[in-house]
C-alpha atoms as a PDB file:
ATOM      1  CA  MET A   1     -48.971 -29.570 -15.646  1.00  0.00           C
ATOM      2  CA  SER A   2     -47.821 -26.015 -14.882  1.00  0.00           C
ATOM      3  CA  PRO A   3     -46.228 -23.900 -17.622  1.00  0.00           C
ATOM      4  CA  MET A   4     -42.868 -23.979 -15.772  1.00  0.00           C
ATOM      5  CA  ASN A   5     -42.944 -27.790 -15.477  1.00  0.00           C
ATOM      6  CA  ARG A   6     -43.850 -28.088 -19.173  1.00  0.00           C
ATOM      7  CA  PHE A   7     -41.004 -25.711 -20.078  1.00  0.00           C
ATOM      8  CA  HIS A   8     -38.589 -27.663 -17.884  1.00  0.00           C
ATOM      9  CA  GLU A   9     -39.657 -30.939 -19.526  1.00  0.00           C
ATOM     10  CA  THR A  10     -39.290 -29.460 -23.031  1.00  0.00           C
ATOM     11  CA  ALA A  11     -35.819 -28.129 -22.202  1.00  0.00           C
ATOM     12  CA  SER A  12     -34.807 -31.490 -20.735  1.00  0.00           C
ATOM     13  CA  ASP A  13     -36.012 -33.341 -23.872  1.00  0.00           C
ATOM     14  CA  ALA A  14     -34.093 -30.912 -26.089  1.00  0.00           C
ATOM     15  CA  LEU A  15     -30.976 -31.423 -23.977  1.00  0.00           C
ATOM     16  CA  GLU A  16     -31.214 -35.201 -24.452  1.00  0.00           C
ATOM     17  CA  LYS A  17     -31.586 -34.861 -28.238  1.00  0.00           C
ATOM     18  CA  ILE A  18     -28.654 -32.456 -28.513  1.00  0.00           C
ATOM     19  CA  SER A  19     -26.494 -34.650 -26.249  1.00  0.00           C
ATOM     20  CA  ALA A  20     -27.015 -37.600 -28.588  1.00  0.00           C
ATOM     21  CA  SER A  21     -25.252 -35.761 -31.401  1.00  0.00           C
ATOM     22  CA  LEU A  22     -22.320 -34.335 -29.456  1.00  0.00           C
ATOM     23  CA  PRO A  23     -18.739 -35.479 -30.046  1.00  0.00           C
ATOM     24  CA  GLU A  24     -17.417 -38.261 -27.799  1.00  0.00           C
ATOM     25  CA  GLY A  25     -16.788 -37.007 -24.257  1.00  0.00           C
ATOM     26  CA  ALA A  26     -18.501 -33.633 -24.784  1.00  0.00           C
ATOM     27  CA  LYS A  27     -20.900 -32.487 -22.076  1.00  0.00           C
ATOM     28  CA  LEU A  28     -23.876 -30.175 -22.347  1.00  0.00           C
ATOM     29  CA  CYS A  29     -25.286 -27.564 -20.015  1.00  0.00           C
ATOM     30  CA  LEU A  30     -28.382 -25.466 -20.619  1.00  0.00           C
ATOM     31  CA  THR A  31     -28.875 -22.350 -18.535  1.00  0.00           C
ATOM     32  CA  ILE A  32     -32.060 -20.347 -18.599  1.00  0.00           C
ATOM     33  CA  TYR A  33     -31.654 -16.958 -16.973  1.00  0.00           C
ATOM     34  CA  THR A  34     -34.713 -14.921 -16.060  1.00  0.00           C
ATOM     35  CA  PRO A  35     -33.802 -11.299 -15.245  1.00  0.00           C
ATOM     36  CA  GLU A  36     -35.189 -10.086 -11.923  1.00  0.00           C
ATOM     37  CA  LYS A  37     -36.734 -13.526 -11.257  1.00  0.00           C
ATOM     38  CA  PRO A  38     -33.985 -15.860 -10.053  1.00  0.00           C
ATOM     39  CA  GLU A  39     -36.606 -18.344  -8.839  1.00  0.00           C
ATOM     40  CA  LEU A  40     -37.357 -19.056 -12.520  1.00  0.00           C
ATOM     41  CA  ASP A  41     -33.712 -19.683 -13.487  1.00  0.00           C
ATOM     42  CA  ILE A  42     -32.982 -23.218 -14.657  1.00  0.00           C
ATOM     43  CA  VAL A  43     -29.689 -25.088 -15.064  1.00  0.00           C
ATOM     44  CA  LEU A  44     -29.871 -28.463 -16.791  1.00  0.00           C
ATOM     45  CA  GLN A  45     -26.694 -30.441 -17.224  1.00  0.00           C
ATOM     46  CA  ASP A  46     -25.428 -33.790 -18.396  1.00  0.00           C
ATOM     47  CA  LYS A  47     -24.649 -36.295 -15.666  1.00  0.00           C
ATOM     48  CA  GLY A  48     -21.061 -35.995 -14.529  1.00  0.00           C
ATOM     49  CA  LEU A  49     -20.692 -32.428 -15.794  1.00  0.00           C
ATOM     50  CA  ASP A  50     -18.461 -30.334 -13.558  1.00  0.00           C
ATOM     51  CA  LEU A  51     -19.971 -26.839 -13.382  1.00  0.00           C
ATOM     52  CA  ASN A  52     -16.491 -25.459 -12.659  1.00  0.00           C
ATOM     53  CA  GLU A  53     -15.585 -26.600 -16.174  1.00  0.00           C
ATOM     54  CA  VAL A  54     -18.616 -24.708 -17.496  1.00  0.00           C
ATOM     55  CA  VAL A  55     -17.310 -21.541 -15.826  1.00  0.00           C
ATOM     56  CA  SER A  56     -13.841 -22.208 -17.296  1.00  0.00           C
ATOM     57  CA  THR A  57     -15.422 -22.602 -20.740  1.00  0.00           C
ATOM     58  CA  LEU A  58     -17.247 -19.292 -20.337  1.00  0.00           C
ATOM     59  CA  ARG A  59     -13.977 -17.627 -19.324  1.00  0.00           C
ATOM     60  CA  ARG A  60     -12.271 -19.002 -22.432  1.00  0.00           C
ATOM     61  CA  ARG A  61     -15.110 -17.458 -24.435  1.00  0.00           C
ATOM     62  CA  GLY A  62     -14.683 -13.999 -22.911  1.00  0.00           C
ATOM     63  CA  LEU A  63     -16.299 -14.025 -19.468  1.00  0.00           C
ATOM     64  CA  SER A  64     -14.121 -11.651 -17.496  1.00  0.00           C
ATOM     65  CA  ILE A  65     -13.225 -11.398 -13.844  1.00  0.00           C
ATOM     66  CA  ASP A  66     -13.608  -7.651 -14.378  1.00  0.00           C
ATOM     67  CA  SER A  67     -17.343  -7.898 -14.991  1.00  0.00           C
ATOM     68  CA  ASP A  68     -19.703  -7.116 -12.144  1.00  0.00           C
ATOM     69  CA  ASN A  69     -21.810  -9.908 -10.702  1.00  0.00           C
ATOM     70  CA  ALA A  70     -23.279 -10.871  -7.344  1.00  0.00           C
ATOM     71  CA  TYR A  71     -21.262 -14.093  -7.058  1.00  0.00           C
ATOM     72  CA  LYS A  72     -17.957 -12.255  -7.457  1.00  0.00           C
ATOM     73  CA  ARG A  73     -19.003  -9.519  -5.026  1.00  0.00           C
ATOM     74  CA  ASP A  74     -19.986 -12.139  -2.438  1.00  0.00           C
ATOM     75  CA  LEU A  75     -16.762 -14.057  -2.972  1.00  0.00           C
ATOM     76  CA  LEU A  76     -14.598 -10.970  -2.604  1.00  0.00           C
ATOM     77  CA  ASP A  77     -16.557  -9.851   0.454  1.00  0.00           C
ATOM     78  CA  SER A  78     -15.751 -13.276   1.944  1.00  0.00           C
ATOM     79  CA  VAL A  79     -12.038 -12.840   1.150  1.00  0.00           C
ATOM     80  CA  VAL A  80     -11.972  -9.360   2.701  1.00  0.00           C
ATOM     81  CA  GLY A  81     -13.804 -10.699   5.760  1.00  0.00           C
ATOM     82  CA  ALA A  82     -11.316 -13.574   6.133  1.00  0.00           C
ATOM     83  CA  LEU A  83      -8.416 -11.098   5.913  1.00  0.00           C
ATOM     84  CA  ALA A  84     -10.017  -8.848   8.537  1.00  0.00           C
ATOM     85  CA  PHE A  85     -10.848 -11.736  10.886  1.00  0.00           C
ATOM     86  CA  GLY A  86      -7.293 -13.031  10.523  1.00  0.00           C
ATOM     87  CA  ALA A  87      -5.901  -9.605  11.398  1.00  0.00           C
ATOM     88  CA  GLN A  88      -8.117  -9.621  14.509  1.00  0.00           C
ATOM     89  CA  ASN A  89      -7.231 -13.254  15.269  1.00  0.00           C
ATOM     90  CA  LYS A  90     -10.961 -14.022  15.474  1.00  0.00           C
ATOM     91  CA  ASN A  91     -13.393 -16.453  13.863  1.00  0.00           C
ATOM     92  CA  PRO A  92     -10.975 -18.752  11.984  1.00  0.00           C
ATOM     93  CA  PRO A  93     -12.511 -20.756   9.141  1.00  0.00           C
ATOM     94  CA  PRO A  94     -13.203 -24.466   9.596  1.00  0.00           C
ATOM     95  CA  ALA A  95     -10.314 -26.877   8.952  1.00  0.00           C
ATOM     96  CA  GLY A  96      -9.612 -27.263   5.241  1.00  0.00           C
ATOM     97  CA  HIS A  97     -11.769 -24.286   4.211  1.00  0.00           C
ATOM     98  CA  TRP A  98     -10.533 -22.222   1.235  1.00  0.00           C
ATOM     99  CA  GLY A  99     -10.772 -19.048   3.357  1.00  0.00           C
ATOM    100  CA  GLN A 100      -7.982 -20.276   5.664  1.00  0.00           C
ATOM    101  CA  ARG A 101      -5.368 -18.985   3.233  1.00  0.00           C
ATOM    102  CA  PHE A 102      -6.751 -15.435   3.480  1.00  0.00           C
ATOM    103  CA  TRP A 103      -7.287 -15.640   7.239  1.00  0.00           C
ATOM    104  CA  ASP A 104      -3.603 -16.645   7.577  1.00  0.00           C
ATOM    105  CA  ILE A 105      -2.525 -13.712   5.381  1.00  0.00           C
ATOM    106  CA  GLY A 106      -4.502 -11.307   7.588  1.00  0.00           C
ATOM    107  CA  ARG A 107      -2.947 -12.826  10.715  1.00  0.00           C
ATOM    108  CA  GLU A 108       0.593 -12.615   9.282  1.00  0.00           C
ATOM    109  CA  GLU A 109       0.116  -9.005   8.155  1.00  0.00           C
ATOM    110  CA  ARG A 110      -1.152  -8.023  11.598  1.00  0.00           C
ATOM    111  CA  GLY A 111       1.853  -9.722  13.196  1.00  0.00           C
ATOM    112  CA  LEU A 112       4.201  -7.796  10.896  1.00  0.00           C
ATOM    113  CA  HIS A 113       2.340  -4.579  11.723  1.00  0.00           C
ATOM    114  CA  GLU A 114       2.810  -5.210  15.451  1.00  0.00           C
ATOM    115  CA  GLU A 115       6.535  -5.925  14.966  1.00  0.00           C
ATOM    116  CA  LEU A 116       7.013  -2.717  12.979  1.00  0.00           C
ATOM    117  CA  VAL A 117       5.167  -0.662  15.585  1.00  0.00           C
ATOM    118  CA  ALA A 118       7.354  -2.122  18.346  1.00  0.00           C
ATOM    119  CA  ALA A 119      10.503  -1.421  16.316  1.00  0.00           C
ATOM    120  CA  LEU A 120       9.394   2.149  15.589  1.00  0.00           C
ATOM    121  CA  LYS A 121       8.609   2.762  19.276  1.00  0.00           C
ATOM    122  CA  LEU A 122      12.054   1.477  20.254  1.00  0.00           C
ATOM    123  CA  THR A 123      13.800   3.557  17.590  1.00  0.00           C
ATOM    124  CA  ARG A 124      11.862   6.670  18.545  1.00  0.00           C
ATOM    125  CA  GLU A 125      12.728   6.238  22.231  1.00  0.00           C
ATOM    126  CA  ASN A 126      16.405   5.673  21.430  1.00  0.00           C
ATOM    127  CA  LEU A 127      16.471   8.758  19.219  1.00  0.00           C
ATOM    128  CA  ARG A 128      14.933  10.783  22.037  1.00  0.00           C
ATOM    129  CA  ALA A 129      17.481   9.385  24.528  1.00  0.00           C
ATOM    130  CA  CYS A 130      20.420  10.117  22.191  1.00  0.00           C
ATOM    131  CA  GLN A 131      19.185  13.638  21.614  1.00  0.00           C
ATOM    132  CA  ALA A 132      18.790  14.224  25.369  1.00  0.00           C
ATOM    133  CA  THR A 133      22.262  12.829  26.100  1.00  0.00           C
ATOM    134  CA  ILE A 134      23.943  14.992  23.469  1.00  0.00           C
ATOM    135  CA  HIS A 135      22.019  18.031  24.684  1.00  0.00           C
ATOM    136  CA  LEU A 136      22.976  17.384  28.327  1.00  0.00           C
ATOM    137  CA  ALA A 137      26.618  16.930  27.398  1.00  0.00           C
ATOM    138  CA  GLY A 138      26.550  20.296  25.686  1.00  0.00           C
ATOM    139  CA  TYR A 139      27.784  18.932  22.363  1.00  0.00           C
ATOM    140  CA  PHE A 140      24.946  19.387  20.003  1.00  0.00           C
ATOM    141  CA  ASP A 141      24.442  20.918  16.641  1.00  0.00           C
ATOM    142  CA  PRO A 142      21.116  22.740  16.385  1.00  0.00           C
ATOM    143  CA  ALA A 143      20.605  21.174  12.927  1.00  0.00           C
ATOM    144  CA  TYR A 144      20.834  17.712  14.501  1.00  0.00           C
ATOM    145  CA  VAL A 145      18.280  18.631  17.127  1.00  0.00           C
ATOM    146  CA  ASN A 146      15.931  19.975  14.460  1.00  0.00           C
ATOM    147  CA  ASP A 147      16.374  16.820  12.316  1.00  0.00           C
ATOM    148  CA  ALA A 148      15.868  14.575  15.337  1.00  0.00           C
ATOM    149  CA  GLN A 149      12.726  16.494  16.319  1.00  0.00           C
ATOM    150  CA  ALA A 150      11.402  16.141  12.760  1.00  0.00           C
ATOM    151  CA  ALA A 151      12.195  12.394  12.743  1.00  0.00           C
ATOM    152  CA  MET A 152      10.432  11.912  16.063  1.00  0.00           C
ATOM    153  CA  ALA A 153       7.399  13.831  14.756  1.00  0.00           C
ATOM    154  CA  VAL A 154       7.225  11.452  11.758  1.00  0.00           C
ATOM    155  CA  ALA A 155       7.525   8.455  14.091  1.00  0.00           C
ATOM    156  CA  ASP A 156       4.860   9.861  16.405  1.00  0.00           C
ATOM    157  CA  ALA A 157       2.477  10.419  13.472  1.00  0.00           C
ATOM    158  CA  ALA A 158       3.003   6.855  12.201  1.00  0.00           C
ATOM    159  CA  LEU A 159       2.523   5.427  15.686  1.00  0.00           C
ATOM    160  CA  ALA A 160      -0.685   7.449  16.123  1.00  0.00           C
ATOM    161  CA  LYS A 161      -2.036   6.061  12.810  1.00  0.00           C
ATOM    162  CA  ALA A 162      -1.179   2.538  13.967  1.00  0.00           C
ATOM    163  CA  GLY A 163      -3.087   3.128  17.190  1.00  0.00           C
ATOM    164  CA  ALA A 164       0.024   2.616  19.263  1.00  0.00           C
END
């Protein structure tokens, strides 16, 4: 028997002995973490144990969402990807997938962005037309023209950032 199999068997026997003395309804999980060697990691658990409850227990004991770990980085990368794909209206998640919520948020935000760009374009064009009309009629205040020019420059800068 290999040393890893012997260790696994010993840990499993210990888990059974400890489980026998637990309070009614309590569940047990044993995690063996081997730094830099994830292939040696072991998780032994009682039958029917929900590992999500183990994570909740660790959170109650101080595990923080602010700590750095690969699982959280991967999860957040998935959320950011779903938001980006939603904004591009590409690659929707499968039906019922948890990422659908974030894909929908990305899609909705992109739709709002497009509405705001259209509204800004319309407002900018109307401001330009009003300025031209007042100028042609000969009734203009130079301060108004300067303010209108400044407002159109702001609108043009925002539209350029939006790629419109």
